[in-house]
């Protein structure tokens, strides 16, 4: 017996209904914000991903040589392919360029709840705009994407990496030392951060102030602490403009300042944000993104870029955890030929209904009325049409309401009106 590869999944019809619901909902919200859909290849040159993330990423992805000896990789994420696409073909397009996408990604990761080796990602990029309103709209869209799918409990955290970089500079923390600190900050291991800062020669008072900034959510208090750092103050004022727009223009007040967001510090610059589903525990992050610089790295003319990715599978998991009532796809009509002589006419009736856009199934196993009605009930059909020889002689069929059990005789030319 063949087994499915580790870290991959088969999806039942019920699971696919959930996935299509989520994709359709996300697509609708993207489009209402003026974003347009694109698609990139499932595999790219390996160099694209090592240029973005370093050679170390090779251990985390599926890479291979093709028959021509070229080094390729299944995409582990979608931002790098989209920016490659932009540099290659879209640089002359009118700005801002608002792009969204869906696609399967692949990572050689340890499978666990909400984390797989093959997974779907939804995301977007805005290219050519770096105004406060552009960033506020991007964050608002991420928030409403998740709220519009039906999630009730989501937590929006917003930070600014330029402020963090400025503080590192003030503390004279080198890039190598930052690489040691960042994983600890990311995991909120602040006692270890304090210890390491002191090892690096940072005074205890200054180190404690740094840690306080990482944990504060009050802009006024943060401003007071960094009042002597002009660069950080300027970035904080810019962040405040974005937050004011979120509150006043987008009616989003349910957010928290979180300066400890340190995602992708090598290429993320400035505003960053994450959205969590607290009910999911350790694997709670559904969305992450911010402003970044990759265009020049990939050979294009430097231009402002920002975006985010949504964990598709975790979003479904979050909805299931909240017991969200996913809409189910129902069969409107189930056609039952009463005997072999009525099969031709039954198929004709089914096809006529389908051509009118009415979802219609038909008994193909010649089961008989009782078993066919039982099957119609199992697939949640709303109506059953019983096509019998006597009724056909009179130009009629019997329509049964599967919920109430009520039946009526209906003329052939009136079927569509009675099942709609």
Protein backbone atom coordinates (compact mmCIF):
# COMPACT_ATOMS: atom_id res chain seq x y z
CA UNK A 1 0.00 0.00 0.00
CA UNK A 2 1.30 3.46 -0.91
CA UNK A 3 1.47 6.10 1.80
CA UNK A 4 1.26 9.86 1.54
CA UNK A 5 4.63 11.67 1.98
CA UNK A 6 5.29 12.98 5.50
CA UNK A 7 4.11 16.54 6.02
CA UNK A 8 1.53 16.46 3.19
CA UNK A 9 -2.22 15.93 3.30
CA UNK A 10 -5.21 14.67 1.36
CA UNK A 11 -8.33 16.83 1.69
CA UNK A 12 -11.84 15.45 1.96
CA UNK A 13 -14.77 17.07 0.17
CA UNK A 14 -15.77 18.75 3.44
CA UNK A 15 -12.25 20.09 3.96
CA UNK A 16 -12.14 21.39 0.40
CA UNK A 17 -15.40 23.25 0.99
CA UNK A 18 -13.73 25.03 3.90
CA UNK A 19 -10.63 25.82 1.84
CA UNK A 20 -12.62 27.17 -1.09
CA UNK A 21 -14.74 29.25 1.27
CA UNK A 22 -11.62 30.79 2.79
CA UNK A 23 -9.96 31.43 -0.58
CA UNK A 24 -13.09 33.03 -2.03
CA UNK A 25 -13.54 35.25 1.03
CA UNK A 26 -9.90 36.39 1.02
CA UNK A 27 -10.01 37.05 -2.73
CA UNK A 28 -13.11 39.20 -2.36
CA UNK A 29 -11.51 41.36 0.34
CA UNK A 30 -8.26 41.74 -1.61
CA UNK A 31 -10.24 42.95 -4.60
CA UNK A 32 -12.31 45.43 -2.58
CA UNK A 33 -9.01 47.09 -1.61
CA UNK A 34 -7.99 47.42 -5.28
CA UNK A 35 -5.53 44.50 -5.38
CA UNK A 36 -5.18 42.32 -8.49
CA UNK A 37 -4.30 38.64 -8.60
CA UNK A 38 -1.08 37.20 -10.06
CA UNK A 39 0.56 33.78 -10.08
CA UNK A 40 4.20 32.65 -10.20
CA UNK A 41 5.80 29.23 -10.89
CA UNK A 42 5.85 26.56 -8.22
CA UNK A 43 9.64 26.22 -8.59
CA UNK A 44 12.30 28.87 -9.14
CA UNK A 45 16.09 29.02 -9.39
CA UNK A 46 17.69 28.09 -6.08
CA UNK A 47 19.74 31.29 -6.26
CA UNK A 48 16.59 33.40 -5.84
CA UNK A 49 16.03 32.07 -2.33
CA UNK A 50 19.68 31.98 -1.25
CA UNK A 51 20.03 35.62 -2.37
CA UNK A 52 17.12 36.56 -0.09
CA UNK A 53 17.78 34.31 2.89
CA UNK A 54 21.38 33.07 2.64
CA UNK A 55 22.88 29.66 1.95
CA UNK A 56 21.47 28.31 5.22
CA UNK A 57 18.00 28.13 3.73
CA UNK A 58 19.07 25.19 1.54
CA UNK A 59 18.69 22.92 4.58
CA UNK A 60 15.08 24.08 4.99
CA UNK A 61 13.80 23.74 1.43
CA UNK A 62 13.32 21.21 -1.35
CA UNK A 63 16.10 21.88 -3.87
CA UNK A 64 17.15 19.76 -6.84
CA UNK A 65 18.96 19.73 -10.17
CA UNK A 66 16.90 19.45 -13.34
CA UNK A 67 17.94 17.36 -16.35
CA UNK A 68 19.97 20.31 -17.63
CA UNK A 69 21.96 20.48 -14.41
CA UNK A 70 20.31 23.72 -13.24
CA UNK A 71 19.85 24.28 -9.49
CA UNK A 72 16.15 24.76 -8.76
CA UNK A 73 13.95 24.77 -5.67
CA UNK A 74 10.28 24.37 -4.82
CA UNK A 75 9.24 27.78 -3.51
CA UNK A 76 9.31 28.00 0.32
CA UNK A 77 7.42 31.32 0.24
CA UNK A 78 5.94 33.73 -2.31
CA UNK A 79 7.47 37.17 -1.70
CA UNK A 80 10.77 36.44 -3.47
CA UNK A 81 9.05 35.02 -6.61
CA UNK A 82 6.68 38.02 -6.77
CA UNK A 83 9.53 40.54 -6.52
CA UNK A 84 11.48 38.55 -9.12
CA UNK A 85 8.40 38.78 -11.36
CA UNK A 86 8.16 42.52 -10.72
CA UNK A 87 11.82 43.16 -11.56
CA UNK A 88 11.58 40.97 -14.66
CA UNK A 89 8.34 42.25 -16.18
CA UNK A 90 6.43 44.83 -14.13
CA UNK A 91 8.82 47.69 -13.32
CA UNK A 92 7.27 50.00 -15.91
CA UNK A 93 3.71 49.48 -14.62
CA UNK A 94 1.92 52.45 -13.03
CA UNK A 95 2.50 52.78 -9.28
CA UNK A 96 1.44 51.83 -6.76
CA UNK A 97 1.23 48.25 -7.92
CA UNK A 98 -1.14 46.24 -5.73
CA UNK A 99 -0.72 42.49 -6.18
CA UNK A 100 -2.18 39.49 -4.35
CA UNK A 101 -1.74 35.76 -4.78
CA UNK A 102 -2.44 32.25 -3.54
CA UNK A 103 -0.08 29.33 -3.90
CA UNK A 104 1.31 26.14 -2.43
CA UNK A 105 4.72 26.43 -0.78
CA UNK A 106 7.16 23.77 0.41
CA UNK A 107 9.53 23.61 3.38
CA UNK A 108 11.48 20.70 4.79
CA UNK A 109 10.11 21.33 8.27
CA UNK A 110 9.16 19.16 11.22
CA UNK A 111 5.44 18.50 10.73
CA UNK A 112 3.17 19.49 13.61
CA UNK A 113 -0.27 20.94 14.19
CA UNK A 114 -0.74 23.87 11.79
CA UNK A 115 2.69 23.34 10.20
CA UNK A 116 3.24 21.15 7.14
CA UNK A 117 5.86 20.51 4.47
CA UNK A 118 3.40 21.46 1.76
CA UNK A 119 1.11 24.33 2.67
CA UNK A 120 -0.91 27.06 1.05
CA UNK A 121 -0.04 30.71 1.49
CA UNK A 122 -2.07 33.79 0.68
CA UNK A 123 -0.40 37.17 0.50
CA UNK A 124 0.09 40.49 -1.21
CA UNK A 125 2.62 43.19 -2.04
CA UNK A 126 2.22 46.91 -2.59
CA UNK A 127 5.07 48.32 -4.67
CA UNK A 128 5.88 52.01 -5.12
CA UNK A 129 4.17 53.59 -2.09
CA UNK A 130 5.59 54.41 1.35
CA UNK A 131 3.18 57.02 2.71
CA UNK A 132 1.55 56.56 6.12
CA UNK A 133 -1.80 56.02 4.39
CA UNK A 134 -0.34 53.24 2.22
CA UNK A 135 0.95 51.37 5.25
CA UNK A 136 -2.22 52.01 7.26
CA UNK A 137 -4.33 50.62 4.41
CA UNK A 138 -2.08 47.55 4.13
CA UNK A 139 -2.38 46.76 7.84
CA UNK A 140 -6.12 47.45 7.77
CA UNK A 141 -6.57 45.09 4.83
CA UNK A 142 -4.70 42.31 6.67
CA UNK A 143 -6.93 42.83 9.69
CA UNK A 144 -10.17 42.86 7.69
CA UNK A 145 -9.13 39.87 5.60
CA UNK A 146 -9.16 37.80 8.78
CA UNK A 147 -12.21 39.44 10.32
CA UNK A 148 -14.22 39.08 7.11
CA UNK A 149 -13.66 35.31 6.97
CA UNK A 150 -15.45 35.07 10.31
CA UNK A 151 -12.70 35.13 12.94
CA UNK A 152 -13.69 36.88 16.15
CA UNK A 153 -10.57 36.64 18.32
CA UNK A 154 -7.57 38.13 16.51
CA UNK A 155 -4.77 40.24 17.96
CA UNK A 156 -2.96 42.86 15.86
CA UNK A 157 0.59 43.75 16.94
CA UNK A 158 2.50 46.61 15.28
CA UNK A 159 6.18 47.52 15.56
CA UNK A 160 8.93 49.42 13.77
CA UNK A 161 12.30 47.88 12.95
CA UNK A 162 13.91 51.25 12.21
CA UNK A 163 13.35 52.20 15.85
CA UNK A 164 14.92 48.93 16.94
CA UNK A 165 17.86 49.44 14.58
CA UNK A 166 18.34 52.97 15.90
CA UNK A 167 18.38 51.68 19.47
CA UNK A 168 20.92 49.00 18.56
CA UNK A 169 23.08 51.72 17.01
CA UNK A 170 22.82 53.89 20.13
CA UNK A 171 23.85 50.91 22.27
CA UNK A 172 26.71 50.20 19.82
CA UNK A 173 25.44 46.65 19.21
CA UNK A 174 27.16 45.23 16.11
CA UNK A 175 25.33 43.21 13.44
CA UNK A 176 26.91 39.98 14.72
CA UNK A 177 25.74 40.71 18.26
CA UNK A 178 22.28 41.63 16.97
CA UNK A 179 22.02 38.15 15.43
CA UNK A 180 22.49 36.68 18.90
CA UNK A 181 19.92 39.01 20.47
CA UNK A 182 17.17 38.82 17.84
CA UNK A 183 16.10 35.17 18.44
CA UNK A 184 15.78 35.92 22.16
CA UNK A 185 13.76 39.08 21.51
CA UNK A 186 11.55 37.19 19.07
CA UNK A 187 10.73 34.60 21.74
CA UNK A 188 10.25 37.30 24.43
CA UNK A 189 13.09 35.82 26.51
CA UNK A 190 13.83 39.20 28.04
CA UNK A 191 15.86 37.92 31.03
CA UNK A 192 18.28 36.29 28.60
CA UNK A 193 18.34 39.50 26.53
CA UNK A 194 19.32 41.48 29.63
CA UNK A 195 22.09 39.03 30.48
CA UNK A 196 23.47 39.12 26.95
CA UNK A 197 23.35 42.93 26.78
CA UNK A 198 25.44 43.11 29.94
CA UNK A 199 27.88 40.60 28.45
CA UNK A 200 28.14 42.99 25.49
CA UNK A 201 29.08 45.80 27.88
CA UNK A 202 25.74 47.64 27.99
CA UNK A 203 25.10 49.24 31.39
CA UNK A 204 22.27 47.77 33.45
CA UNK A 205 20.22 51.02 33.50
CA UNK A 206 20.46 51.48 29.72
CA UNK A 207 19.77 47.78 29.13
CA UNK A 208 16.65 47.93 31.30
CA UNK A 209 15.41 50.98 29.38
CA UNK A 210 15.92 49.04 26.13
CA UNK A 211 13.93 46.10 27.51
CA UNK A 212 11.21 48.45 28.72
CA UNK A 213 10.77 49.82 25.19
CA UNK A 214 10.47 46.28 23.83
CA UNK A 215 7.63 45.55 26.25
CA UNK A 216 5.77 48.88 26.31
CA UNK A 217 2.62 49.46 24.26
CA UNK A 218 2.18 53.14 25.21
CA UNK A 219 3.69 55.47 22.61
CA UNK A 220 3.96 58.38 25.05
CA UNK A 221 6.01 56.30 27.48
CA UNK A 222 8.25 55.05 24.65
CA UNK A 223 8.71 58.64 23.43
CA UNK A 224 9.81 59.72 26.90
CA UNK A 225 12.46 57.00 27.09
CA UNK A 226 13.93 57.72 23.63
CA UNK A 227 13.67 61.52 23.79
CA UNK A 228 17.43 61.90 23.18
CA UNK A 229 17.46 59.60 20.15
CA UNK A 230 16.35 61.88 17.30
CA UNK A 231 16.30 59.11 14.70
CA UNK A 232 14.11 56.86 16.84
CA UNK A 233 11.83 59.79 17.73
CA UNK A 234 11.32 60.56 14.04
CA UNK A 235 10.39 56.94 13.30
CA UNK A 236 8.05 56.86 16.28
CA UNK A 237 6.26 59.99 15.05
CA UNK A 238 5.83 58.33 11.65
CA UNK A 239 4.43 55.22 13.33
CA UNK A 240 2.01 57.39 15.27
CA UNK A 241 0.63 58.82 12.01
CA UNK A 242 -0.07 55.30 10.78
CA UNK A 243 -1.79 54.38 14.05
CA UNK A 244 -3.95 57.50 13.93
CA UNK A 245 -5.10 56.56 10.43
CA UNK A 246 -5.90 53.02 11.56
CA UNK A 247 -8.11 54.36 14.32
CA UNK A 248 -9.81 57.27 12.56
CA UNK A 249 -10.04 56.14 8.94
CA UNK A 250 -10.23 52.34 9.26
CA UNK A 251 -11.97 52.09 12.64
CA UNK A 252 -9.33 49.71 14.01
CA UNK A 253 -8.69 50.29 17.69
CA UNK A 254 -7.98 46.72 18.69
CA UNK A 255 -4.19 46.75 18.23
CA UNK A 256 -1.08 46.79 20.38
CA UNK A 257 2.35 48.38 19.95
CA UNK A 258 4.97 45.65 20.06
CA UNK A 259 8.55 46.78 19.49
CA UNK A 260 9.81 43.22 19.98
CA UNK A 261 8.65 42.18 16.49
CA UNK A 262 11.97 41.36 14.81
CA UNK A 263 10.89 39.46 11.70
CA UNK A 264 13.42 39.31 8.82
CA UNK A 265 15.60 42.15 10.09
CA UNK A 266 18.00 41.69 7.16
CA UNK A 267 15.46 42.89 4.60
CA UNK A 268 12.45 44.23 6.53
CA UNK A 269 12.77 47.97 7.16
CA UNK A 270 10.44 50.20 9.15
CA UNK A 271 6.84 49.23 9.86
CA UNK A 272 6.19 45.56 10.73
CA UNK A 273 3.09 43.82 12.03
CA UNK A 274 1.72 40.44 13.03
CA UNK A 275 -1.80 39.13 13.60
CA UNK A 276 -2.35 36.27 16.04
CA UNK A 277 -5.19 33.94 16.94
CA UNK A 278 -4.60 33.55 20.70
CA UNK A 279 -6.70 30.36 20.88
CA UNK A 280 -4.06 28.49 18.85
CA UNK A 281 -1.42 28.74 21.57
CA UNK A 282 2.22 28.46 20.48
CA UNK A 283 1.37 28.31 16.76
CA UNK A 284 -0.90 31.35 16.97
CA UNK A 285 0.51 33.63 14.26
CA UNK A 286 -1.81 33.87 11.25
CA UNK A 287 -0.29 36.84 9.43
CA UNK A 288 3.01 38.68 9.31
CA UNK A 289 4.50 41.39 7.16
CA UNK A 290 5.70 44.94 6.80
CA UNK A 291 7.92 47.19 4.71
CA UNK A 292 11.04 45.64 3.19
CA UNK A 293 13.73 46.04 0.51
CA UNK A 294 14.28 43.26 -2.01
CA UNK A 295 13.92 44.93 -5.40
CA UNK A 296 17.50 46.22 -5.60
CA UNK A 297 18.82 42.88 -4.32
CA UNK A 298 17.13 41.19 -7.29
CA UNK A 299 18.55 43.69 -9.80
CA UNK A 300 15.74 46.24 -9.99
CA UNK A 301 15.59 49.96 -9.31
CA UNK A 302 15.07 50.56 -5.60
CA UNK A 303 11.45 51.33 -4.79
CA UNK A 304 9.31 51.12 -1.64
CA UNK A 305 7.78 47.69 -1.10
CA UNK A 306 5.61 46.21 1.62
CA UNK A 307 3.41 43.18 2.01
CA UNK A 308 2.30 40.31 4.17
CA UNK A 309 1.54 36.61 4.09
CA UNK A 310 -1.39 34.79 5.66
CA UNK A 311 -1.06 31.22 6.87
CA UNK A 312 -3.97 29.60 5.03
CA UNK A 313 -3.99 26.36 7.03
CA UNK A 314 -3.67 28.08 10.39
CA UNK A 315 -6.54 30.39 9.51
CA UNK A 316 -8.77 27.38 8.87
CA UNK A 317 -7.53 25.88 12.15
CA UNK A 318 -8.38 29.12 13.96
CA UNK A 319 -11.89 29.14 12.44
CA UNK A 320 -12.40 25.51 13.47
CA UNK A 321 -11.16 26.30 17.00
CA UNK A 322 -13.73 29.10 17.22
CA UNK A 323 -16.33 26.60 15.90
CA UNK A 324 -17.12 28.81 12.92
CA UNK A 325 -20.12 27.44 10.95
CA UNK A 326 -18.54 27.04 7.51
CA UNK A 327 -21.10 27.26 4.69
CA UNK A 328 -21.60 23.87 3.08
CA UNK A 329 -22.14 23.23 -0.59
CA UNK A 330 -25.61 21.79 -1.07
CA UNK A 331 -27.10 19.91 -3.97
CA UNK A 332 -30.29 21.70 -4.97
CA UNK A 333 -31.90 18.77 -6.78
CA UNK A 334 -31.45 15.00 -6.85
CA UNK A 335 -33.17 13.27 -9.78
CA UNK A 336 -34.40 9.67 -9.29
CA UNK A 337 -35.42 7.54 -12.27
CA UNK A 338 -38.11 5.19 -10.95
CA UNK A 339 -37.24 2.48 -13.48
CA UNK A 340 -34.99 1.81 -16.48
CA UNK A 341 -37.51 3.25 -18.96
CA UNK A 342 -37.33 6.70 -17.32
CA UNK A 343 -33.53 7.01 -17.29
CA UNK A 344 -33.29 8.92 -20.58
CA UNK A 345 -35.87 11.49 -19.54
CA UNK A 346 -34.31 11.77 -16.05
CA UNK A 347 -30.90 12.60 -17.58
CA UNK A 348 -32.57 15.18 -19.82
CA UNK A 349 -34.31 16.81 -16.83
CA UNK A 350 -31.04 16.89 -14.85
CA UNK A 351 -29.15 18.48 -17.73
CA UNK A 352 -31.84 21.10 -18.33
CA UNK A 353 -31.61 22.15 -14.67
CA UNK A 354 -27.80 22.29 -14.80
CA UNK A 355 -27.97 24.54 -17.85
CA UNK A 356 -30.05 26.94 -15.75
CA UNK A 357 -27.30 27.01 -13.11
CA UNK A 358 -29.11 24.74 -10.66
CA UNK A 359 -26.84 22.20 -8.92
CA UNK A 360 -28.27 18.82 -9.82
CA UNK A 361 -27.23 15.22 -9.19
CA UNK A 362 -28.88 12.03 -10.42
CA UNK A 363 -29.02 8.39 -9.36
CA UNK A 364 -26.59 6.49 -11.58
CA UNK A 365 -26.77 3.14 -9.80
CA UNK A 366 -30.44 2.24 -10.42
CA UNK A 367 -30.92 1.89 -6.66
CA UNK A 368 -34.67 2.14 -6.39
CA UNK A 369 -36.71 4.88 -4.72
CA UNK A 370 -36.04 4.08 -1.04
CA UNK A 371 -32.27 3.83 -1.28
CA UNK A 372 -32.10 6.82 -3.65
CA UNK A 373 -34.04 9.01 -1.22
CA UNK A 374 -31.74 7.90 1.59
CA UNK A 375 -28.72 8.86 -0.51
CA UNK A 376 -30.31 12.21 -1.43
CA UNK A 377 -30.69 12.90 2.27
CA UNK A 378 -27.05 11.96 2.95
CA UNK A 379 -25.79 14.55 0.43
CA UNK A 380 -28.14 17.23 1.83
CA UNK A 381 -30.14 17.58 -1.37
CA UNK A 382 -32.94 20.13 -0.96
CA UNK A 383 -35.34 18.54 -3.45
CA UNK A 384 -35.74 15.12 -5.02
CA UNK A 385 -37.42 14.68 -8.39
CA UNK A 386 -38.99 11.26 -8.88
CA UNK A 387 -39.39 10.48 -12.57
CA UNK A 388 -41.99 7.70 -12.94
CA UNK A 389 -43.61 6.25 -16.08
CA UNK A 390 -47.19 7.14 -15.11
CA UNK A 391 -46.30 10.76 -14.33
CA UNK A 392 -44.33 11.06 -17.59
CA UNK A 393 -47.36 9.92 -19.57
CA UNK A 394 -49.13 12.98 -18.14
CA UNK A 395 -46.10 15.24 -18.76
CA UNK A 396 -45.33 15.47 -15.02
CA UNK A 397 -42.88 14.43 -12.29
CA UNK A 398 -43.08 14.23 -8.49
CA UNK A 399 -41.01 16.74 -6.49
CA UNK A 400 -40.24 15.87 -2.87
CA UNK A 401 -39.05 18.41 -0.29
CA UNK A 402 -36.25 16.53 1.49
CA UNK A 403 -36.64 18.57 4.66
CA UNK A 404 -40.40 18.33 5.18
CA UNK A 405 -41.12 15.18 3.19
CA UNK A 406 -43.96 16.94 1.34
CA UNK A 407 -44.52 15.91 -2.29
CA UNK A 408 -46.30 17.51 -5.24
CA UNK A 409 -46.90 16.67 -8.86
CA UNK A 410 -45.40 19.23 -11.21
CA UNK A 411 -45.59 19.66 -14.98
CA UNK A 412 -42.28 19.18 -16.85
CA UNK A 413 -42.19 22.78 -18.07
CA UNK A 414 -42.69 24.07 -14.51
CA UNK A 415 -39.89 22.11 -12.78
CA UNK A 416 -37.37 24.95 -12.74
CA UNK A 417 -39.80 27.36 -11.05
CA UNK A 418 -40.68 24.82 -8.35
CA UNK A 419 -37.08 23.88 -7.42
CA UNK A 420 -35.66 27.42 -7.32
